Protein backbone atom coordinates (compact mmCIF):
# COMPACT_ATOMS: atom_id res chain seq x y z
CA MET A 1 98.39 53.04 51.17
CA ASP A 2 95.83 54.82 52.88
CA PRO A 3 92.47 52.77 52.54
CA LEU A 4 90.24 53.90 49.44
CA ARG A 5 87.08 55.26 50.95
CA PHE A 6 83.92 56.73 49.51
CA ASP A 7 82.86 58.89 52.15
CA GLY A 8 80.74 62.09 51.19
CA ARG A 9 79.75 60.39 47.62
CA THR A 10 76.67 58.70 46.28
CA ALA A 11 76.59 55.84 44.43
CA ILE A 12 73.65 54.34 42.20
CA VAL A 13 74.33 50.28 41.62
CA THR A 14 71.91 48.64 39.13
CA GLY A 15 71.06 45.20 39.35
CA ALA A 16 72.67 45.18 43.09
CA GLY A 17 69.58 42.75 44.70
CA ARG A 18 71.90 39.34 43.92
CA GLY A 19 75.16 38.05 42.76
CA ILE A 20 77.72 40.65 41.19
CA GLY A 21 75.71 43.89 41.65
CA ARG A 22 74.92 42.94 45.18
CA ALA A 23 79.09 42.85 45.86
CA HIS A 24 79.54 45.69 44.50
CA ALA A 25 76.71 47.44 46.36
CA LEU A 26 78.21 45.97 49.60
CA LEU A 27 81.69 46.67 49.30
CA LEU A 28 80.97 50.87 48.25
CA GLY A 29 78.84 50.45 51.10
CA ALA A 30 81.23 49.12 53.55
CA ARG A 31 84.08 51.85 52.02
CA GLY A 32 81.57 55.20 53.23
CA ALA A 33 79.56 55.44 50.21
CA SER A 34 75.77 56.08 50.31
CA VAL A 35 74.40 53.58 47.98
CA VAL A 36 71.38 53.26 46.16
CA VAL A 37 70.43 49.83 45.96
CA ASN A 38 68.59 49.21 42.53
CA ASP A 39 67.07 45.78 41.43
CA LEU A 40 63.59 45.12 39.67
CA GLY A 41 63.45 41.61 41.32
CA ALA A 42 62.95 40.08 37.78
CA SER A 43 64.07 36.51 36.88
CA VAL A 44 67.39 35.62 35.13
CA ASP A 45 65.34 36.09 31.72
CA GLY A 46 64.11 39.61 32.81
CA ASP A 47 60.42 38.30 33.60
CA GLY A 48 58.41 39.03 36.89
CA ASP A 49 59.38 41.60 39.61
CA ASP A 50 60.10 41.52 43.30
CA THR A 51 60.84 44.36 45.84
CA GLY A 52 62.87 41.52 48.23
CA PRO A 53 66.05 41.44 46.73
CA ALA A 54 66.79 45.23 46.70
CA ALA A 55 65.40 45.35 50.16
CA ALA A 56 67.44 42.68 51.19
CA VAL A 57 70.73 44.01 50.48
CA ALA A 58 69.99 47.88 51.49
CA ALA A 59 69.27 46.45 55.24
CA GLU A 60 72.41 44.49 54.86
CA ILE A 61 74.30 47.86 54.03
CA VAL A 62 72.74 49.54 56.88
CA ALA A 63 73.37 46.93 59.36
CA ALA A 64 76.62 46.83 58.92
CA GLY A 65 76.90 50.60 59.61
CA GLY A 66 76.77 52.05 56.10
CA THR A 67 74.15 54.31 54.53
CA ALA A 68 71.73 52.71 51.82
CA VAL A 69 68.46 52.90 50.41
CA ALA A 70 66.26 50.56 48.06
CA ASP A 71 65.01 51.08 44.67
CA THR A 72 63.16 49.23 42.29
CA SER A 73 62.73 51.22 38.97
CA ASP A 74 63.01 49.33 35.76
CA VAL A 75 65.99 51.17 34.22
CA SER A 76 64.92 49.47 30.87
CA THR A 77 62.73 52.13 30.49
CA THR A 78 63.42 55.91 30.44
CA ALA A 79 60.84 56.76 33.09
CA GLY A 80 62.52 53.96 35.25
CA ALA A 81 65.91 55.31 35.22
CA GLU A 82 64.91 58.65 35.74
CA ALA A 83 63.12 57.42 38.82
CA LEU A 84 65.97 56.08 40.14
CA VAL A 85 68.17 58.98 39.73
CA ALA A 86 65.53 61.33 41.58
CA ALA A 87 65.70 58.85 44.26
CA ALA A 88 69.10 59.38 44.53
CA VAL A 89 69.18 62.46 44.79
CA GLU A 90 66.19 62.98 47.09
CA ALA A 91 67.66 60.52 49.50
CA PHE A 92 71.30 61.69 49.45
CA GLY A 93 71.20 65.08 47.80
CA GLY A 94 73.16 64.32 44.78
CA ILE A 95 75.11 61.38 42.59
CA HIS A 96 78.72 60.85 42.20
CA ILE A 97 79.15 57.24 40.91
CA VAL A 98 76.82 55.35 38.42
CA VAL A 99 77.34 51.27 38.35
CA ASN A 100 75.35 49.56 35.68
CA ASN A 101 75.46 45.73 36.35
CA ALA A 102 71.58 45.22 35.58
CA GLY A 103 71.34 42.55 32.97
CA ILE A 104 69.64 39.22 31.82
CA ILE A 105 70.18 36.31 29.63
CA ARG A 106 68.03 34.19 27.76
CA TRP A 107 70.15 31.39 26.23
CA ALA A 108 69.74 30.91 22.41
CA GLY A 109 71.68 30.86 19.29
CA LEU A 110 70.79 31.10 15.64
CA PRO A 111 68.13 29.60 14.39
CA ALA A 112 66.50 29.70 17.91
CA ALA A 113 67.22 33.44 18.72
CA ASP A 114 64.48 35.66 17.09
CA LEU A 115 64.32 39.28 17.08
CA ASP A 116 62.11 39.27 20.46
CA ASN A 117 65.43 37.51 22.10
CA LEU A 118 67.67 40.25 20.86
CA GLU A 119 65.54 43.45 21.71
CA ARG A 120 65.07 41.90 25.18
CA HIS A 121 68.65 41.96 25.97
CA LEU A 122 69.20 45.53 24.22
CA ALA A 123 66.41 46.68 26.20
CA VAL A 124 68.37 45.83 29.53
CA HIS A 125 71.77 45.85 28.98
CA VAL A 126 71.97 48.62 26.32
CA ALA A 127 69.10 50.54 26.90
CA GLY A 128 69.08 50.07 30.71
CA THR A 129 73.00 51.44 30.56
CA PHE A 130 72.04 54.57 28.46
CA ASN A 131 69.03 55.71 30.33
CA THR A 132 70.71 55.58 33.45
CA ILE A 133 73.43 57.33 32.32
CA LYS A 134 71.75 59.91 30.44
CA ALA A 135 69.55 60.66 33.79
CA ALA A 136 72.59 61.08 35.66
CA TRP A 137 74.79 62.87 33.32
CA PRO A 138 73.57 66.42 33.81
CA HIS A 139 74.27 65.94 37.44
CA LEU A 140 77.49 64.60 36.94
CA VAL A 141 78.56 67.36 34.47
CA GLU A 142 77.25 70.41 36.76
CA GLN A 143 79.55 69.18 39.47
CA GLY A 144 82.37 68.55 37.39
CA TYR A 145 82.80 65.11 38.87
CA GLY A 146 81.75 61.54 37.87
CA ARG A 147 82.69 57.94 37.90
CA ILE A 148 80.75 55.73 35.35
CA VAL A 149 81.42 51.94 35.73
CA ASN A 150 79.64 49.72 33.09
CA THR A 151 79.46 46.17 32.76
CA THR A 152 80.61 44.04 29.64
CA SER A 153 81.43 40.22 29.71
CA ALA A 154 84.08 38.05 28.18
CA GLY A 155 81.13 36.53 26.83
CA LEU A 156 81.26 39.05 23.81
CA PHE A 157 83.96 36.71 22.62
CA GLY A 158 81.15 34.58 21.30
CA LEU A 159 79.47 31.14 22.61
CA PRO A 160 77.02 29.18 20.25
CA ALA A 161 74.06 30.30 22.44
CA ASN A 162 74.67 33.72 23.83
CA LEU A 163 74.11 35.43 20.56
CA SER A 164 71.84 38.40 22.09
CA TYR A 165 73.78 38.73 25.41
CA ALA A 166 77.27 38.62 23.50
CA THR A 167 76.03 41.40 20.88
CA ALA A 168 74.49 43.41 23.63
CA LYS A 169 77.88 43.20 25.45
CA GLY A 170 79.57 44.44 22.51
CA GLY A 171 77.33 47.16 22.35
CA VAL A 172 78.29 48.44 25.88
CA ILE A 173 81.56 48.79 25.19
CA GLY A 174 81.12 51.09 22.18
CA MET A 175 78.94 53.29 24.35
CA THR A 176 81.03 53.57 26.95
CA ARG A 177 84.18 54.63 24.82
CA SER A 178 82.06 57.28 23.39
CA LEU A 179 81.43 58.53 26.96
CA ALA A 180 84.85 58.64 27.91
CA VAL A 181 85.74 60.91 25.52
CA ALA A 182 82.47 62.99 26.10
CA GLY A 183 83.23 63.20 29.81
CA ALA A 184 87.03 63.95 29.46
CA ARG A 185 86.76 67.74 29.94
CA LYS A 186 83.92 67.36 32.20
CA GLY A 187 85.89 65.17 35.11
CA ILE A 188 83.98 62.16 34.36
CA LYS A 189 85.60 58.83 33.57
CA ALA A 190 83.54 55.88 32.44
CA ASN A 191 85.12 52.21 32.15
CA LEU A 192 84.12 48.83 31.85
CA ILE A 193 83.98 45.43 34.22
CA ALA A 194 83.78 42.22 32.57
CA PRO A 195 83.25 40.01 35.61
CA ALA A 196 84.32 36.75 35.86
CA ALA A 197 82.44 34.94 38.54
CA VAL A 198 79.40 32.56 38.89
CA THR A 199 76.10 33.12 39.60
CA ARG A 200 72.72 32.21 38.60
CA MET A 201 73.13 33.76 34.92
CA ALA A 202 75.90 31.30 34.44
CA GLY A 203 73.33 28.80 33.85
CA PRO A 204 71.31 26.02 36.15
CA GLU A 205 74.14 23.71 35.84
CA ALA A 206 76.97 25.97 36.82
CA GLU A 207 78.25 25.43 40.50
CA GLU A 208 78.85 27.99 42.97
CA THR A 209 82.38 27.99 43.86
CA PRO A 210 84.55 30.20 46.82
CA ALA A 211 87.50 30.65 44.04
CA MET A 212 84.64 32.21 41.61
CA ALA A 213 82.57 34.30 43.90
CA PRO A 214 80.84 37.30 43.00
CA GLY A 215 82.65 39.56 45.61
CA LEU A 216 86.19 38.78 43.93
CA ALA A 217 85.36 41.24 40.93
CA ALA A 218 84.12 44.21 43.26
CA PRO A 219 87.43 45.73 44.10
CA MET A 220 87.99 46.51 40.53
CA VAL A 221 84.70 48.25 39.95
CA ALA A 222 85.34 50.08 43.44
CA PHE A 223 88.78 51.25 42.20
CA LEU A 224 87.12 52.50 38.62
CA ALA A 225 84.44 54.13 40.77
CA HIS A 226 86.97 55.94 42.96
CA GLU A 227 88.39 59.71 42.38
CA ASP A 228 91.78 58.04 42.39
CA CYS A 229 90.65 56.10 39.32
CA PRO A 230 93.44 57.04 36.53
CA VAL A 231 91.76 55.82 33.30
CA THR A 232 88.85 56.19 31.29
CA GLY A 233 87.36 54.22 28.12
CA GLU A 234 88.79 50.87 29.54
CA VAL A 235 87.86 47.62 29.99
CA TYR A 236 88.94 45.00 32.53
CA ALA A 237 88.30 41.55 33.55
CA ALA A 238 88.13 40.76 37.15
CA GLY A 239 87.47 37.62 39.17
CA ALA A 240 89.01 34.49 40.61
CA GLY A 241 91.90 36.28 42.15
CA ARG A 242 92.90 37.68 39.00
CA PHE A 243 92.51 41.37 37.34
CA SER A 244 93.37 42.22 33.55
CA ARG A 245 93.00 44.50 30.97
CA ILE A 246 91.13 43.58 27.68
CA PHE A 247 91.74 46.21 25.16
CA ILE A 248 91.10 46.73 21.51
CA GLY A 249 94.05 47.08 19.02
CA SER A 250 95.28 47.50 15.79
CA THR A 251 97.70 46.15 13.51
CA PRO A 252 100.00 48.08 11.07
CA GLY A 253 98.73 46.02 8.42
CA TYR A 254 99.49 46.25 5.09
CA VAL A 255 99.88 49.38 2.89
CA ALA A 256 99.31 48.57 -1.06
CA ASP A 257 101.71 49.90 -3.49
CA GLY A 258 99.24 51.34 -5.98
CA PRO A 259 96.00 53.46 -5.86
CA GLU A 260 93.67 50.52 -6.55
CA PRO A 261 94.60 47.68 -4.58
CA SER A 262 92.94 44.19 -5.63
CA VAL A 263 91.32 41.29 -4.09
CA GLU A 264 94.74 39.42 -4.93
CA ASP A 265 96.85 42.12 -3.06
CA VAL A 266 94.66 41.36 -0.09
CA ALA A 267 95.35 37.74 -0.59
CA GLU A 268 98.98 37.78 -1.05
CA HIS A 269 99.61 40.06 1.90
CA TRP A 270 96.98 38.33 4.19
CA ALA A 271 99.91 37.46 6.74
CA ALA A 272 101.06 41.15 7.07
CA ILE A 273 97.78 42.28 7.46
CA ASN A 274 97.31 39.72 10.42
CA ASP A 275 101.11 40.44 11.75
CA GLU A 276 100.30 41.73 15.59
CA ASP A 277 103.91 43.06 15.75
CA GLY A 278 103.86 46.83 16.73
CA TYR A 279 99.72 46.91 17.10
CA THR A 280 98.42 50.08 19.00
CA VAL A 281 95.82 50.66 21.09
CA PRO A 282 93.74 53.48 19.65
CA THR A 283 92.48 55.87 22.80
CA ASP A 284 89.64 57.10 20.51
CA LEU A 285 88.38 56.95 16.59
CA MET A 286 90.49 60.38 15.97
CA ALA A 287 93.79 58.30 17.41
CA TRP A 288 92.87 55.43 15.38
CA SER A 289 92.21 57.15 12.04
CA ALA A 290 95.54 59.41 12.59
CA THR A 291 97.59 56.14 12.61
CA PHE A 292 95.74 54.42 9.95
CA MET A 293 96.00 57.05 7.63
CA SER A 294 99.57 57.91 8.41
CA HIS A 295 100.95 56.79 4.97
CA LEU A 296 98.78 59.35 3.54
CA GLY A 297 100.98 62.41 5.10
CA ALA A 298 97.53 63.48 6.48
CA PRO A 299 97.74 66.69 8.53
CA GLY A 300 98.21 65.86 12.32
CA ALA A 301 98.95 62.18 11.13
CA PRO A 302 102.07 60.39 12.98
CA ALA A 303 105.22 60.27 10.47
């Protein structure tokens, strides 16, 4: 097949000064996109700032023959996200792709994880993603085209010490699913990437290896950011040479015989409630509701 390119497209990549975000920015730049390399330059736990990482990646793209500018706005704030989008429009005349990769991690589980720990994760992962999309959204709607790639994580499946991180990454999934529905008739597609790579966020004891290099996740991001992307509202894992789909499914479950099921009914039919045979993967809330309520014969529900 012909190479998938991004000539004439402008891409914002947040958290692009290091690791996974850097790999996304480099690949998009190599494929012809004009890239806004955004990175506050903070530490892995979100402290401090440094203009160096964003500038270095932008320079690397330019040195390779691409087009890029650096931006150090803090997307966890509304003003920072708006400044980032304004910089993209000023530099390249528009915006077509938003890759939300910025993130932090402060390892902690209960009882050590406190409200500040949770709020800081939500500010960067959830609010940062929201702020950037909200600022870019009017531009995408006006042109009738856009590609949004948000970053979640397999960490949402849970670890003892990643409580706030997993919570935030789960929130990004709900946000993206809603954006996918809202953008469906506007030419905007929104999907998620769950990268599998070893970077500084994996912890001080993690060893970087070629098999888990950040660049191995970037091809999936580039495809989801491309005009040929066929899906919206989906989650894909990528890394270590493997690409797969992660999805939210619903079992057929058990339908009670009477109008007022009891606790004992739930206990007695526990196996049926959990039986995965015949599960469905809803595209949105209405699709799930139609299936879940189908036994009531509701209008529009499948027979």
